[in-house]
C-alpha cells in the first residue's frame, strides 16, 4: 500500500532482530550460490535477495546517522541487483552473482566495523 494508505512507517522489530534476519538471509544466499545446484536455486536466490533487500530497507529507519543509512541503502540496492540477476534463471551470470554476494558481505563488514 501507499504510505498515505498505510500511515507513516514505523519499524516494529529490534535492530538486533533485523540484523539477525539479514544474517540468516545472507547465509542462505551463500549456500545457494556455492553449494546448491537444484532446479529451484534461481527462485531461492531471487526471493532471498528480495527479503534481504527489504530487511535492509527497514534498517535505514533504525539509525539517524548518515553513514549507517548509506550502508543499509547500499545493502538494499545490491541485494535487489542480485535478485534481478537471479531472475534471469539459466541466463544469470554466476560470476556476477558471486561478485554481488561479495559486495553484500563487504557492505555488512563496513557497517559492523563502525557500529558493532
N, C-alpha and C. Protein backbone atom coordinates (compact mmCIF):
# COMPACT_ATOMS: atom_id res chain seq x y z
N UNK A 1 0.82 -1.21 0.00
CA UNK A 1 0.00 0.00 0.00
C UNK A 1 0.85 1.26 0.00
N UNK A 2 0.27 2.33 -0.43
CA UNK A 2 1.00 3.60 -0.42
C UNK A 2 1.22 4.06 1.01
N UNK A 3 2.20 4.94 1.19
CA UNK A 3 2.50 5.44 2.53
C UNK A 3 1.29 6.14 3.14
N UNK A 4 0.53 6.86 2.32
CA UNK A 4 -0.63 7.56 2.85
C UNK A 4 -1.71 6.59 3.31
N UNK A 5 -1.86 5.47 2.61
CA UNK A 5 -2.87 4.48 2.99
C UNK A 5 -2.46 3.72 4.24
N UNK A 6 -1.17 3.47 4.37
CA UNK A 6 -0.69 2.67 5.49
C UNK A 6 -0.27 3.52 6.68
N UNK A 7 -0.11 4.80 6.48
CA UNK A 7 0.38 5.66 7.55
C UNK A 7 1.90 5.72 7.51
N UNK A 8 2.49 6.51 8.39
CA UNK A 8 3.96 6.62 8.40
C UNK A 8 4.60 5.29 8.80
N UNK A 9 5.76 5.02 8.24
CA UNK A 9 6.44 3.76 8.53
C UNK A 9 7.07 3.80 9.92
N UNK A 10 6.89 2.72 10.65
CA UNK A 10 7.49 2.58 11.97
C UNK A 10 7.99 1.15 12.12
N UNK A 11 9.33 0.97 12.21
CA UNK A 11 9.84 -0.39 12.42
C UNK A 11 9.29 -0.97 13.72
N UNK A 12 9.00 -2.26 13.72
CA UNK A 12 8.49 -2.91 14.92
C UNK A 12 9.49 -3.90 15.52
N UNK A 13 10.45 -4.36 14.74
CA UNK A 13 11.46 -5.29 15.24
C UNK A 13 12.64 -4.51 15.82
N UNK A 14 13.35 -5.16 16.72
CA UNK A 14 14.57 -4.56 17.25
C UNK A 14 15.64 -4.56 16.17
N UNK A 15 16.63 -3.69 16.33
CA UNK A 15 17.75 -3.68 15.38
C UNK A 15 18.41 -5.05 15.37
N UNK A 16 18.55 -5.65 16.54
CA UNK A 16 19.15 -6.99 16.61
C UNK A 16 18.33 -8.01 15.81
N UNK A 17 17.01 -7.91 15.91
CA UNK A 17 16.16 -8.82 15.14
C UNK A 17 16.33 -8.64 13.65
N UNK A 18 16.38 -7.39 13.20
CA UNK A 18 16.57 -7.11 11.78
C UNK A 18 17.94 -7.62 11.33
N UNK A 19 18.97 -7.37 12.13
CA UNK A 19 20.32 -7.82 11.78
C UNK A 19 20.39 -9.34 11.72
N UNK A 20 19.71 -10.01 12.63
CA UNK A 20 19.68 -11.47 12.61
C UNK A 20 19.01 -11.97 11.33
N UNK A 21 17.92 -11.35 10.96
CA UNK A 21 17.25 -11.71 9.71
C UNK A 21 18.15 -11.50 8.51
N UNK A 22 18.86 -10.38 8.51
CA UNK A 22 19.80 -10.10 7.41
C UNK A 22 20.89 -11.16 7.36
N UNK A 23 21.42 -11.54 8.52
CA UNK A 23 22.49 -12.54 8.57
C UNK A 23 21.98 -13.89 8.06
N UNK A 24 20.78 -14.28 8.47
CA UNK A 24 20.22 -15.55 8.01
C UNK A 24 19.99 -15.55 6.51
N UNK A 25 19.50 -14.45 5.98
CA UNK A 25 19.30 -14.35 4.53
C UNK A 25 20.64 -14.41 3.81
N UNK A 26 21.64 -13.72 4.32
CA UNK A 26 22.96 -13.73 3.71
C UNK A 26 23.54 -15.15 3.70
N UNK A 27 23.44 -15.86 4.82
CA UNK A 27 23.95 -17.23 4.89
C UNK A 27 23.22 -18.14 3.91
N UNK A 28 21.92 -17.93 3.75
CA UNK A 28 21.15 -18.72 2.77
C UNK A 28 21.63 -18.43 1.35
N UNK A 29 21.92 -17.16 1.07
CA UNK A 29 22.45 -16.81 -0.25
C UNK A 29 23.81 -17.45 -0.48
N UNK A 30 24.66 -17.43 0.53
CA UNK A 30 25.98 -18.07 0.40
C UNK A 30 25.82 -19.54 0.04
N UNK A 31 24.95 -20.22 0.74
CA UNK A 31 24.71 -21.64 0.48
C UNK A 31 24.16 -21.84 -0.93
N UNK A 32 23.20 -21.04 -1.31
CA UNK A 32 22.59 -21.17 -2.64
C UNK A 32 23.59 -20.92 -3.75
N UNK A 33 24.49 -19.97 -3.54
CA UNK A 33 25.44 -19.62 -4.60
C UNK A 33 26.67 -20.51 -4.64
N UNK A 34 26.97 -21.23 -3.55
CA UNK A 34 28.18 -22.03 -3.54
C UNK A 34 27.93 -23.53 -3.48
N UNK A 35 26.79 -23.94 -2.97
CA UNK A 35 26.57 -25.37 -2.76
C UNK A 35 25.37 -25.93 -3.50
N UNK A 36 24.31 -25.21 -3.55
CA UNK A 36 23.05 -25.71 -4.09
C UNK A 36 23.01 -25.55 -5.61
N UNK A 37 22.62 -26.60 -6.29
CA UNK A 37 22.51 -26.54 -7.74
C UNK A 37 21.17 -27.12 -8.22
N UNK A 38 20.15 -27.08 -7.37
CA UNK A 38 18.87 -27.67 -7.74
C UNK A 38 18.05 -26.75 -8.65
N UNK A 39 16.96 -27.26 -9.11
CA UNK A 39 16.10 -26.56 -10.06
C UNK A 39 15.54 -25.27 -9.47
N UNK A 40 15.23 -25.26 -8.19
CA UNK A 40 14.63 -24.09 -7.55
C UNK A 40 15.66 -23.03 -7.14
N UNK A 41 16.93 -23.27 -7.40
CA UNK A 41 18.01 -22.37 -6.98
C UNK A 41 17.80 -20.93 -7.42
N UNK A 42 17.51 -20.65 -8.70
CA UNK A 42 17.34 -19.24 -9.10
C UNK A 42 16.22 -18.54 -8.34
N UNK A 43 15.12 -19.22 -8.13
CA UNK A 43 14.00 -18.63 -7.40
C UNK A 43 14.38 -18.41 -5.94
N UNK A 44 15.09 -19.36 -5.35
CA UNK A 44 15.53 -19.20 -3.96
C UNK A 44 16.46 -18.00 -3.83
N UNK A 45 17.38 -17.85 -4.76
CA UNK A 45 18.31 -16.71 -4.72
C UNK A 45 17.53 -15.41 -4.90
N UNK A 46 16.62 -15.38 -5.85
CA UNK A 46 15.84 -14.17 -6.10
C UNK A 46 15.03 -13.77 -4.88
N UNK A 47 14.27 -14.69 -4.33
CA UNK A 47 13.38 -14.36 -3.22
C UNK A 47 14.14 -14.06 -1.93
N UNK A 48 15.23 -14.77 -1.69
CA UNK A 48 16.05 -14.49 -0.52
C UNK A 48 16.70 -13.12 -0.65
N UNK A 49 17.14 -12.78 -1.85
CA UNK A 49 17.73 -11.46 -2.08
C UNK A 49 16.70 -10.36 -1.87
N UNK A 50 15.48 -10.59 -2.32
CA UNK A 50 14.42 -9.61 -2.11
C UNK A 50 14.13 -9.44 -0.62
N UNK A 51 14.12 -10.54 0.13
CA UNK A 51 13.88 -10.46 1.57
C UNK A 51 15.01 -9.70 2.26
N UNK A 52 16.25 -9.98 1.85
CA UNK A 52 17.39 -9.26 2.41
C UNK A 52 17.29 -7.77 2.09
N UNK A 53 16.90 -7.45 0.88
CA UNK A 53 16.74 -6.05 0.48
C UNK A 53 15.69 -5.35 1.33
N UNK A 54 14.59 -6.02 1.61
CA UNK A 54 13.55 -5.40 2.43
C UNK A 54 14.00 -5.22 3.87
N UNK A 55 14.73 -6.19 4.40
CA UNK A 55 15.27 -6.02 5.75
C UNK A 55 16.25 -4.85 5.80
N UNK A 56 17.07 -4.71 4.78
CA UNK A 56 17.99 -3.57 4.72
C UNK A 56 17.21 -2.27 4.59
N UNK A 57 16.13 -2.30 3.84
CA UNK A 57 15.27 -1.12 3.70
C UNK A 57 14.72 -0.71 5.06
N UNK A 58 14.24 -1.67 5.83
CA UNK A 58 13.77 -1.40 7.18
C UNK A 58 14.91 -0.82 8.02
N UNK A 59 16.10 -1.37 7.83
CA UNK A 59 17.24 -0.95 8.63
C UNK A 59 17.62 0.52 8.39
N UNK A 60 17.24 1.08 7.28
CA UNK A 60 17.52 2.50 7.04
C UNK A 60 16.79 3.39 8.04
N UNK A 61 15.75 2.86 8.68
CA UNK A 61 14.97 3.60 9.66
C UNK A 61 15.49 3.42 11.09
N UNK A 62 16.47 2.54 11.27
CA UNK A 62 16.91 2.18 12.61
C UNK A 62 18.04 3.03 13.18
N UNK A 63 18.51 3.99 12.41
CA UNK A 63 19.58 4.84 12.90
C UNK A 63 19.54 6.14 12.12
N UNK A 64 19.77 7.23 12.80
CA UNK A 64 19.74 8.55 12.16
C UNK A 64 21.05 8.91 11.47
N UNK A 65 22.12 8.19 11.76
CA UNK A 65 23.43 8.54 11.23
C UNK A 65 23.51 8.26 9.73
N UNK A 66 24.08 9.22 9.00
CA UNK A 66 24.10 9.14 7.54
C UNK A 66 24.87 7.94 7.02
N UNK A 67 26.03 7.63 7.61
CA UNK A 67 26.80 6.50 7.10
C UNK A 67 26.06 5.18 7.30
N UNK A 68 25.39 5.03 8.43
CA UNK A 68 24.60 3.83 8.70
C UNK A 68 23.51 3.67 7.64
N UNK A 69 22.80 4.75 7.40
CA UNK A 69 21.72 4.71 6.41
C UNK A 69 22.26 4.45 5.00
N UNK A 70 23.44 5.00 4.72
CA UNK A 70 24.06 4.77 3.41
C UNK A 70 24.39 3.29 3.23
N UNK A 71 25.00 2.69 4.25
CA UNK A 71 25.32 1.26 4.15
C UNK A 71 24.05 0.42 4.02
N UNK A 72 23.03 0.73 4.78
CA UNK A 72 21.77 -0.01 4.68
C UNK A 72 21.18 0.13 3.28
N UNK A 73 21.25 1.33 2.72
CA UNK A 73 20.76 1.56 1.35
C UNK A 73 21.58 0.81 0.32
N UNK A 74 22.90 0.77 0.51
CA UNK A 74 23.76 0.02 -0.41
C UNK A 74 23.45 -1.47 -0.34
N UNK A 75 23.21 -1.96 0.87
CA UNK A 75 22.86 -3.37 1.03
C UNK A 75 21.55 -3.67 0.30
N UNK A 76 20.57 -2.80 0.49
CA UNK A 76 19.27 -2.96 -0.18
C UNK A 76 19.44 -2.99 -1.69
N UNK A 77 20.17 -2.02 -2.23
CA UNK A 77 20.31 -1.89 -3.68
C UNK A 77 21.10 -3.06 -4.28
N UNK A 78 22.15 -3.50 -3.60
CA UNK A 78 22.93 -4.63 -4.09
C UNK A 78 22.12 -5.92 -4.04
N UNK A 79 21.35 -6.09 -2.98
CA UNK A 79 20.50 -7.29 -2.88
C UNK A 79 19.46 -7.30 -4.00
N UNK A 80 18.91 -6.15 -4.33
CA UNK A 80 17.94 -6.10 -5.44
C UNK A 80 18.62 -6.36 -6.79
N UNK A 81 19.86 -5.92 -6.92
CA UNK A 81 20.61 -6.23 -8.15
C UNK A 81 20.85 -7.74 -8.26
N UNK A 82 21.17 -8.38 -7.14
CA UNK A 82 21.34 -9.83 -7.13
C UNK A 82 20.02 -10.53 -7.46
N UNK A 83 18.93 -10.04 -6.90
CA UNK A 83 17.61 -10.62 -7.21
C UNK A 83 17.31 -10.52 -8.70
N UNK A 84 17.64 -9.37 -9.29
CA UNK A 84 17.41 -9.19 -10.73
C UNK A 84 18.24 -10.13 -11.57
N UNK A 85 19.47 -10.36 -11.16
CA UNK A 85 20.33 -11.29 -11.91
C UNK A 85 19.80 -12.71 -11.79
N UNK A 86 19.41 -13.11 -10.58
CA UNK A 86 18.87 -14.46 -10.36
C UNK A 86 17.58 -14.68 -11.13
N UNK A 87 16.83 -13.62 -11.33
CA UNK A 87 15.55 -13.72 -12.05
C UNK A 87 15.76 -14.17 -13.50
N UNK A 88 16.96 -13.99 -14.02
CA UNK A 88 17.28 -14.41 -15.40
C UNK A 88 17.38 -15.93 -15.51
N UNK A 89 17.33 -16.61 -14.38
CA UNK A 89 17.39 -18.08 -14.27
C UNK A 89 18.61 -18.65 -14.99
N UNK A 90 18.42 -19.45 -16.04
CA UNK A 90 19.56 -20.12 -16.68
C UNK A 90 20.47 -19.15 -17.45
N UNK A 91 20.04 -17.91 -17.61
CA UNK A 91 20.88 -16.91 -18.28
C UNK A 91 21.61 -16.01 -17.27
N UNK A 92 21.43 -16.29 -15.98
CA UNK A 92 22.09 -15.49 -14.94
C UNK A 92 23.59 -15.69 -15.01
N UNK A 93 24.32 -14.63 -14.76
CA UNK A 93 25.78 -14.66 -14.76
C UNK A 93 26.25 -15.08 -13.37
N UNK A 94 26.79 -16.28 -13.26
CA UNK A 94 27.23 -16.83 -11.98
C UNK A 94 28.31 -15.97 -11.33
N UNK A 95 29.28 -15.54 -12.14
CA UNK A 95 30.36 -14.72 -11.59
C UNK A 95 29.82 -13.39 -11.06
N UNK A 96 28.86 -12.81 -11.77
CA UNK A 96 28.28 -11.55 -11.31
C UNK A 96 27.53 -11.76 -9.99
N UNK A 97 26.78 -12.86 -9.90
CA UNK A 97 26.05 -13.11 -8.65
C UNK A 97 27.01 -13.31 -7.49
N UNK A 98 28.11 -14.02 -7.70
CA UNK A 98 29.09 -14.22 -6.64
C UNK A 98 29.78 -12.91 -6.28
N UNK A 99 30.00 -12.07 -7.27
CA UNK A 99 30.59 -10.75 -7.03
C UNK A 99 29.64 -9.88 -6.21
N UNK A 100 28.35 -9.95 -6.52
CA UNK A 100 27.36 -9.19 -5.75
C UNK A 100 27.27 -9.70 -4.32
N UNK A 101 27.40 -11.01 -4.13
CA UNK A 101 27.41 -11.57 -2.79
C UNK A 101 28.62 -11.03 -2.01
N UNK A 102 29.76 -10.96 -2.66
CA UNK A 102 30.96 -10.42 -2.01
C UNK A 102 30.76 -8.94 -1.67
N UNK A 103 30.08 -8.20 -2.54
CA UNK A 103 29.79 -6.79 -2.28
C UNK A 103 28.85 -6.65 -1.08
N UNK A 104 27.86 -7.54 -0.98
CA UNK A 104 26.97 -7.54 0.19
C UNK A 104 27.77 -7.76 1.46
N UNK A 105 28.66 -8.74 1.43
CA UNK A 105 29.49 -9.06 2.59
C UNK A 105 30.36 -7.86 2.98
N UNK A 106 30.97 -7.21 2.01
CA UNK A 106 31.83 -6.06 2.29
C UNK A 106 31.03 -4.90 2.90
N UNK A 107 29.82 -4.70 2.41
CA UNK A 107 28.96 -3.64 2.94
C UNK A 107 28.61 -3.93 4.40
N UNK A 108 28.24 -5.16 4.69
CA UNK A 108 27.92 -5.54 6.07
C UNK A 108 29.13 -5.32 6.97
N UNK A 109 30.29 -5.77 6.51
CA UNK A 109 31.50 -5.64 7.33
C UNK A 109 31.85 -4.18 7.59
N UNK A 110 31.68 -3.33 6.60
CA UNK A 110 31.98 -1.90 6.79
C UNK A 110 31.11 -1.31 7.88
N UNK A 111 29.84 -1.61 7.84
CA UNK A 111 28.91 -1.09 8.85
C UNK A 111 29.20 -1.70 10.21
N UNK A 112 29.45 -3.01 10.24
CA UNK A 112 29.72 -3.67 11.51
C UNK A 112 31.00 -3.16 12.15
N UNK A 113 32.00 -2.84 11.34
CA UNK A 113 33.24 -2.28 11.88
C UNK A 113 32.98 -0.97 12.61
N UNK A 114 32.02 -0.21 12.12
CA UNK A 114 31.71 1.08 12.73
C UNK A 114 30.71 0.99 13.88
N UNK A 115 29.77 0.02 13.82
CA UNK A 115 28.65 0.03 14.76
C UNK A 115 28.51 -1.21 15.65
N UNK A 116 29.25 -2.25 15.39
CA UNK A 116 29.03 -3.46 16.17
C UNK A 116 29.91 -3.52 17.38
